[in-house]
Amino acid sequence: MDINEFLDGESLTGRQAGLIFIGFLSFVVLSGVALVLFRGLF
């Protein structure tokens, strides 16, 4: 499946929306953890 088809709003299913949401949320959380862990190095 092409990424444009995956992100197309008209054909977005609940499962795809959930995966995008969980992926974005985990990215934000991991970025915050990385900032806290590496704060002492700088």
C-alpha atoms as a PDB file:
ATOM      1  CA  MET A   1       0.000   0.000   0.000  1.00  0.00           C
ATOM      2  CA  ASP A   2       1.305   3.425  -0.978  1.00  0.00           C
ATOM      3  CA  ILE A   3       1.834   5.905   1.865  1.00  0.00           C
ATOM      4  CA  ASN A   4      -0.448   8.423   0.118  1.00  0.00           C
ATOM      5  CA  GLU A   5      -3.222   5.827   0.030  1.00  0.00           C
ATOM      6  CA  PHE A   6      -2.553   4.986   3.680  1.00  0.00           C
ATOM      7  CA  LEU A   7      -2.807   8.618   4.780  1.00  0.00           C
ATOM      8  CA  ASP A   8      -5.773   9.484   2.545  1.00  0.00           C
ATOM      9  CA  GLY A   9      -8.501  10.753   4.844  1.00  0.00           C
ATOM     10  CA  GLU A  10     -11.383   9.334   2.851  1.00  0.00           C
ATOM     11  CA  SER A  11     -10.129   5.750   3.020  1.00  0.00           C
ATOM     12  CA  LEU A  12      -8.697   5.962   6.543  1.00  0.00           C
ATOM     13  CA  THR A  13     -10.002   3.154   8.712  1.00  0.00           C
ATOM     14  CA  GLY A  14     -10.165   3.156  12.478  1.00  0.00           C
ATOM     15  CA  ARG A  15      -7.266   0.718  12.668  1.00  0.00           C
ATOM     16  CA  GLN A  16      -5.063   2.926  10.484  1.00  0.00           C
ATOM     17  CA  ALA A  17      -5.994   6.007  12.502  1.00  0.00           C
ATOM     18  CA  GLY A  18      -5.148   4.140  15.688  1.00  0.00           C
ATOM     19  CA  LEU A  19      -1.778   3.054  14.346  1.00  0.00           C
ATOM     20  CA  ILE A  20      -0.931   6.617  13.296  1.00  0.00           C
ATOM     21  CA  PHE A  21      -2.006   7.949  16.696  1.00  0.00           C
ATOM     22  CA  ILE A  22      -0.047   5.330  18.655  1.00  0.00           C
ATOM     23  CA  GLY A  23       3.005   5.877  16.461  1.00  0.00           C
ATOM     24  CA  PHE A  24       2.927   9.637  16.950  1.00  0.00           C
ATOM     25  CA  LEU A  25       2.308   9.310  20.681  1.00  0.00           C
ATOM     26  CA  SER A  26       5.198   6.868  21.117  1.00  0.00           C
ATOM     27  CA  PHE A  27       7.447   9.195  19.093  1.00  0.00           C
ATOM     28  CA  VAL A  28       6.618  12.112  21.405  1.00  0.00           C
ATOM     29  CA  VAL A  29       7.144  10.028  24.551  1.00  0.00           C
ATOM     30  CA  LEU A  30      10.448   8.585  23.318  1.00  0.00           C
ATOM     31  CA  SER A  31      11.653  12.059  22.350  1.00  0.00           C
ATOM     32  CA  GLY A  32      10.862  13.327  25.845  1.00  0.00           C
ATOM     33  CA  VAL A  33      12.662  10.399  27.461  1.00  0.00           C
ATOM     34  CA  ALA A  34      15.692  10.946  25.211  1.00  0.00           C
ATOM     35  CA  LEU A  35      15.796  14.639  26.171  1.00  0.00           C
ATOM     36  CA  VAL A  36      15.721  13.776  29.863  1.00  0.00           C
ATOM     37  CA  LEU A  37      18.381  11.082  29.522  1.00  0.00           C
ATOM     38  CA  PHE A  38      20.760  13.139  27.394  1.00  0.00           C
ATOM     39  CA  ARG A  39      20.229  16.403  29.294  1.00  0.00           C
ATOM     40  CA  GLY A  40      23.122  15.574  31.598  1.00  0.00           C
ATOM     41  CA  LEU A  41      25.535  15.168  28.704  1.00  0.00           C
ATOM     42  CA  PHE A  42      25.180  18.723  27.427  1.00  0.00           C
END
